[in-house]
Amino acid sequence: MSNPVLSLPGRQRPNWFTIFVLAFFHVGAAAALFMFRWRLLAIALILHWLTVGLGISMGYHRLHTHRSYRVPKWLDYFFAICGTLTLEGGPIFWVAVHRIHHQKSDQPGDPHSPRDGAWWSHVGWIMFGETQHNNTRMLAKYAPDLAKDRFYVVLNNYHWVPVTVLGLLLLAIGGLPLMLWAICLRVVMGLHFTWFVNSITHMFGRRRFNTKDDSRNLWWVALITFGEGWHNNHHAHPTSARHGLAWYEFDWSWLQIKLLKAIGIAKAVRVAKITTPHAEQEAA
């Protein structure tokens, strides 16, 4: 039975607007490669950190979805705005879908499980099915904390405005090459990196914890997603602000949260306490 947020593989319907937008951004990303400049690459990487690093990893995921730490409201809102710049939807939609994923991970009802197909878990679930990005009343069931805040309701309904405004500003400042690199290529890169967490880290890697799902730890996904690739650790301890639980598991977002805590900005930081050893297992 389909959940009310988005349809599952058996009820596929092409979302033509989403497909068109994704195609447009991928064409723009390909075009950007013919206009390479080191300066443009540097700007794209900085924006990747702001949007995927602060917006998705520290914001949408560890702060807004799991409440693994607390920051002042202005910073909370800033992270959410950064999250919209990834083109991954508004905060209420993102949080609702991810909470459903944890409730039903790799079981019937999971929005993006590789058990429904690798392609489906990576991007098919977005391109097909009736996604409810702006149906705040429906999403409120899974994100009632965010739905009570007027700021998040407006941002969720108009999540496309910040990235549109940024794109127009960059186009005016640096012309087409800057817009293609800082918007199209950067967005496409961030989308696929985030989707790797949904797809690849449920298929390949090592399992430190014997969770009920197929989550795995994959170092190279962690490197490009600021620590999100330590996915098995995360599913075992979802409310932990730290995902890389061993010294060799580099977790850039955790280091940033530690810095915010050290200077008194981050409060109530939750960290998993590992009291017994867990042998890592090779993925089957």
Protein backbone atom coordinates (compact mmCIF):
# COMPACT_ATOMS: atom_id res chain seq x y z
CA MET A 1 0.00 0.00 0.00
CA SER A 2 1.38 3.41 -0.98
CA ASN A 3 2.15 5.96 1.69
CA PRO A 4 0.66 9.44 1.37
CA VAL A 5 3.93 11.22 0.66
CA LEU A 6 4.88 9.55 -2.60
CA SER A 7 3.95 6.54 -4.66
CA LEU A 8 5.96 3.33 -4.60
CA PRO A 9 7.29 1.27 -7.54
CA GLY A 10 4.06 -0.59 -8.23
CA ARG A 11 2.21 2.71 -8.82
CA GLN A 12 4.59 4.56 -11.09
CA ARG A 13 3.45 7.70 -12.84
CA PRO A 14 5.87 9.94 -14.73
CA ASN A 15 6.31 13.28 -13.02
CA TRP A 16 6.97 15.16 -16.24
CA PHE A 17 7.75 18.51 -14.65
CA THR A 18 10.40 16.95 -12.38
CA ILE A 19 11.82 14.97 -15.30
CA PHE A 20 12.05 18.16 -17.39
CA VAL A 21 13.77 20.10 -14.60
CA LEU A 22 16.29 17.31 -13.98
CA ALA A 23 16.99 17.01 -17.72
CA PHE A 24 17.48 20.77 -17.97
CA PHE A 25 19.98 20.80 -15.10
CA HIS A 26 21.89 17.81 -16.48
CA VAL A 27 22.19 19.48 -19.90
CA GLY A 28 23.41 22.64 -18.17
CA ALA A 29 25.92 20.61 -16.16
CA ALA A 30 27.29 19.02 -19.33
CA ALA A 31 27.55 22.44 -20.99
CA ALA A 32 29.50 23.77 -17.99
CA LEU A 33 32.32 21.33 -18.68
CA PHE A 34 33.05 23.15 -21.94
CA MET A 35 33.53 26.41 -20.04
CA PHE A 36 36.06 25.28 -17.45
CA ARG A 37 37.84 27.84 -15.29
CA TRP A 38 39.57 27.15 -11.98
CA ARG A 39 37.72 30.09 -10.46
CA LEU A 40 34.36 28.60 -11.46
CA LEU A 41 35.33 25.22 -9.99
CA ALA A 42 36.31 26.89 -6.70
CA ILE A 43 32.99 28.74 -6.50
CA ALA A 44 31.05 25.55 -7.25
CA LEU A 45 32.91 23.65 -4.51
CA ILE A 46 32.29 26.41 -1.96
CA LEU A 47 28.59 26.38 -2.79
CA HIS A 48 28.61 22.57 -2.60
CA TRP A 49 29.86 22.88 0.98
CA LEU A 50 27.23 25.51 1.82
CA THR A 51 24.36 23.59 0.29
CA VAL A 52 25.10 19.88 0.77
CA GLY A 53 27.45 20.25 3.73
CA LEU A 54 25.53 22.82 5.76
CA GLY A 55 22.12 22.58 4.13
CA ILE A 56 21.64 18.82 3.80
CA SER A 57 24.09 17.07 6.11
CA MET A 58 24.12 19.47 9.06
CA GLY A 59 20.71 21.02 8.37
CA TYR A 60 17.98 18.90 6.81
CA HIS A 61 19.46 15.64 8.09
CA ARG A 62 21.19 15.87 11.46
CA LEU A 63 19.40 18.98 12.74
CA HIS A 64 15.90 19.10 11.25
CA THR A 65 15.18 15.38 10.83
CA HIS A 66 16.91 13.80 13.82
CA ARG A 67 17.37 16.78 16.16
CA SER A 68 20.82 15.48 17.08
CA TYR A 69 21.85 18.95 18.21
CA ARG A 70 20.37 22.41 18.68
CA VAL A 71 21.43 25.82 17.36
CA PRO A 72 19.94 29.33 17.58
CA LYS A 73 16.86 29.83 15.43
CA TRP A 74 18.63 32.15 12.98
CA LEU A 75 21.22 29.47 12.21
CA ASP A 76 18.53 26.80 12.09
CA TYR A 77 16.73 28.86 9.42
CA PHE A 78 19.97 29.57 7.55
CA PHE A 79 20.74 25.84 7.27
CA ALA A 80 17.22 25.27 5.92
CA ILE A 81 17.64 27.95 3.25
CA CYS A 82 20.97 26.39 2.27
CA GLY A 83 19.14 23.05 1.97
CA THR A 84 16.67 24.46 -0.59
CA LEU A 85 19.60 25.47 -2.80
CA THR A 86 20.24 21.76 -3.52
CA LEU A 87 16.95 21.35 -5.42
CA GLU A 88 16.03 18.47 -3.09
CA GLY A 89 12.75 20.02 -2.00
CA GLY A 90 11.66 22.00 1.00
CA PRO A 91 12.56 21.14 4.59
CA ILE A 92 9.19 19.65 5.53
CA PHE A 93 9.16 17.38 2.48
CA TRP A 94 12.78 16.28 2.95
CA VAL A 95 12.34 15.57 6.65
CA ALA A 96 9.06 13.70 6.13
CA VAL A 97 10.53 11.42 3.45
CA HIS A 98 13.64 10.70 5.49
CA ARG A 99 11.67 9.88 8.62
CA ILE A 100 9.56 7.45 6.60
CA HIS A 101 12.79 5.92 5.30
CA HIS A 102 13.94 5.25 8.87
CA GLN A 103 10.57 3.87 9.95
CA LYS A 104 10.40 1.43 7.03
CA SER A 105 14.00 1.13 5.88
CA ASP A 106 14.34 -1.53 3.15
CA GLN A 107 10.83 -2.74 3.93
CA PRO A 108 7.53 -2.19 2.10
CA GLY A 109 6.79 1.52 2.33
CA ASP A 110 10.41 2.71 2.15
CA PRO A 111 10.41 5.56 -0.41
CA HIS A 112 13.81 4.65 -1.88
CA SER A 113 15.05 1.15 -1.17
CA PRO A 114 17.37 -0.75 -3.58
CA ARG A 115 15.17 -3.77 -2.91
CA ASP A 116 12.82 -2.05 -5.33
CA GLY A 117 15.68 -1.63 -7.80
CA ALA A 118 18.96 0.27 -7.77
CA TRP A 119 17.70 2.80 -10.31
CA TRP A 120 14.53 3.35 -8.33
CA SER A 121 16.42 4.01 -5.09
CA HIS A 122 18.78 6.44 -6.82
CA VAL A 123 16.44 8.64 -8.85
CA GLY A 124 13.40 6.70 -10.03
CA TRP A 125 11.42 7.46 -6.87
CA ILE A 126 11.71 11.17 -7.67
CA MET A 127 10.97 10.95 -11.40
CA PHE A 128 7.96 8.69 -10.96
CA GLY A 129 5.10 8.79 -8.50
CA GLU A 130 3.04 11.65 -7.18
CA THR A 131 5.38 13.49 -4.85
CA GLN A 132 3.74 15.86 -2.39
CA HIS A 133 6.41 18.54 -2.02
CA ASN A 134 4.03 21.34 -1.05
CA ASN A 135 1.21 19.44 0.68
CA THR A 136 2.13 20.66 4.15
CA ARG A 137 -1.02 19.28 5.75
CA MET A 138 -0.21 15.78 4.51
CA LEU A 139 3.49 16.05 5.34
CA ALA A 140 2.76 17.38 8.84
CA LYS A 141 2.01 13.82 9.97
CA TYR A 142 5.71 13.02 9.61
CA ALA A 143 7.18 16.45 10.38
CA PRO A 144 4.77 18.06 12.87
CA ASP A 145 7.59 19.97 14.57
CA LEU A 146 8.48 21.80 11.36
CA ALA A 147 4.89 22.20 10.19
CA LYS A 148 4.12 24.28 13.31
CA ASP A 149 6.68 26.89 12.26
CA ARG A 150 5.41 29.41 9.69
CA PHE A 151 8.92 29.93 8.32
CA TYR A 152 9.25 26.27 7.36
CA VAL A 153 5.76 26.16 5.87
CA VAL A 154 6.50 29.11 3.57
CA LEU A 155 9.97 27.80 2.72
CA ASN A 156 8.55 24.38 1.91
CA ASN A 157 5.87 25.85 -0.37
CA TYR A 158 8.34 28.10 -2.15
CA HIS A 159 11.51 26.02 -1.90
CA TRP A 160 12.39 26.78 -5.53
CA VAL A 161 12.63 30.54 -4.94
CA PRO A 162 16.09 30.71 -3.25
CA VAL A 163 17.87 28.69 -5.96
CA THR A 164 16.08 30.67 -8.68
CA VAL A 165 17.10 33.99 -7.15
CA LEU A 166 20.68 32.78 -6.68
CA GLY A 167 20.81 31.59 -10.28
CA LEU A 168 19.63 34.94 -11.61
CA LEU A 169 22.12 36.82 -9.43
CA LEU A 170 25.01 34.65 -10.59
CA LEU A 171 23.93 35.04 -14.20
CA ALA A 172 23.94 38.83 -13.80
CA ILE A 173 27.29 38.86 -11.99
CA GLY A 174 29.33 36.32 -13.95
CA GLY A 175 27.32 35.46 -17.03
CA LEU A 176 26.36 32.03 -18.33
CA PRO A 177 29.57 30.17 -17.34
CA LEU A 178 29.21 31.13 -13.66
CA MET A 179 25.52 30.19 -13.60
CA LEU A 180 26.16 26.84 -15.27
CA TRP A 181 28.96 25.92 -12.86
CA ALA A 182 27.54 27.34 -9.62
CA ILE A 183 23.95 26.25 -10.26
CA CYS A 184 23.56 23.49 -12.85
CA LEU A 185 26.78 21.51 -12.36
CA ARG A 186 26.86 22.09 -8.61
CA VAL A 187 23.20 21.04 -8.19
CA VAL A 188 23.58 17.91 -10.34
CA MET A 189 26.72 16.94 -8.46
CA GLY A 190 24.99 17.45 -5.09
CA LEU A 191 21.89 15.52 -6.15
CA HIS A 192 23.80 12.44 -7.24
CA PHE A 193 26.06 12.53 -4.20
CA THR A 194 23.01 12.61 -1.92
CA TRP A 195 21.26 9.92 -3.95
CA PHE A 196 24.34 7.69 -3.54
CA VAL A 197 23.47 7.55 0.17
CA ASN A 198 19.97 6.29 -0.71
CA SER A 199 21.14 3.73 -3.24
CA ILE A 200 24.80 2.66 -3.06
CA THR A 201 25.16 2.68 0.73
CA HIS A 202 22.27 0.22 0.93
CA MET A 203 24.04 -2.14 -1.51
CA PHE A 204 27.83 -1.91 -1.06
CA GLY A 205 30.21 -1.40 1.84
CA ARG A 206 30.80 -2.71 5.34
CA ARG A 207 28.33 -3.35 8.14
CA ARG A 208 29.57 -2.51 11.62
CA PHE A 209 26.13 -2.97 13.21
CA ASN A 210 23.58 -5.69 12.61
CA THR A 211 20.68 -3.36 11.79
CA LYS A 212 17.33 -4.55 10.42
CA ASP A 213 17.96 -2.81 7.08
CA ASP A 214 20.67 -3.12 4.42
CA SER A 215 22.59 0.05 5.37
CA ARG A 216 26.35 0.02 4.90
CA ASN A 217 29.39 2.21 5.51
CA LEU A 218 31.17 3.39 2.38
CA TRP A 219 34.19 5.66 2.80
CA TRP A 220 34.15 7.38 -0.59
CA VAL A 221 30.47 8.31 -0.27
CA ALA A 222 31.30 9.75 3.16
CA LEU A 223 34.05 11.88 1.62
CA ILE A 224 31.78 13.51 -0.96
CA THR A 225 28.79 13.95 1.37
CA PHE A 226 30.54 15.38 4.44
CA GLY A 227 30.19 12.17 6.44
CA GLU A 228 26.80 10.84 5.32
CA GLY A 229 28.37 7.71 3.83
CA TRP A 230 28.82 6.15 7.29
CA HIS A 231 25.26 5.04 6.76
CA ASN A 232 25.21 1.82 8.75
CA ASN A 233 26.51 3.71 11.76
CA HIS A 234 23.74 6.24 11.25
CA HIS A 235 20.96 3.67 10.99
CA ALA A 236 22.22 2.01 14.17
CA HIS A 237 22.33 5.37 15.99
CA PRO A 238 20.02 7.73 14.06
CA THR A 239 19.98 10.53 16.64
CA SER A 240 23.76 10.74 16.92
CA ALA A 241 25.28 13.95 15.54
CA ARG A 242 28.43 11.95 14.86
CA HIS A 243 28.23 9.42 12.01
CA GLY A 244 31.89 8.47 11.70
CA LEU A 245 32.26 6.58 14.97
CA ALA A 246 35.86 5.39 14.57
CA TRP A 247 39.02 7.48 14.29
CA TYR A 248 39.47 6.46 10.66
CA GLU A 249 35.88 7.35 9.68
CA PHE A 250 36.27 10.95 8.58
CA ASP A 251 33.09 12.93 9.26
CA TRP A 252 33.42 16.56 8.19
CA SER A 253 29.94 17.54 9.44
CA TRP A 254 30.73 16.17 12.88
CA LEU A 255 33.91 18.27 13.04
CA GLN A 256 31.87 21.35 12.21
CA ILE A 257 29.28 20.51 14.86
CA LYS A 258 32.11 20.03 17.38
CA LEU A 259 33.41 23.49 16.46
CA LEU A 260 29.96 25.03 16.94
CA LYS A 261 29.73 23.30 20.32
CA ALA A 262 33.19 24.51 21.35
CA ILE A 263 32.27 28.15 20.69
CA GLY A 264 28.94 27.81 22.47
CA ILE A 265 26.60 27.85 19.45
CA ALA A 266 25.60 24.16 19.25
CA LYS A 267 23.78 22.80 22.31
CA ALA A 268 22.32 19.46 23.38
CA VAL A 269 24.66 17.55 21.04
CA ARG A 270 23.84 13.85 20.99
CA VAL A 271 26.63 11.35 20.34
CA ALA A 272 26.38 7.57 20.17
CA LYS A 273 28.17 5.80 22.99
CA ILE A 274 29.75 2.57 21.77
CA THR A 275 30.40 0.39 24.79
CA THR A 276 30.94 -2.97 23.11
CA PRO A 277 33.00 -3.82 20.02
CA HIS A 278 31.21 -4.67 16.80
CA ALA A 279 33.14 -6.58 14.18
CA GLU A 280 32.78 -5.17 10.70
CA GLN A 281 31.40 -7.54 8.12
CA GLU A 282 32.11 -7.53 4.40
CA ALA A 283 29.03 -6.77 2.32
CA ALA A 284 27.52 -9.86 0.79
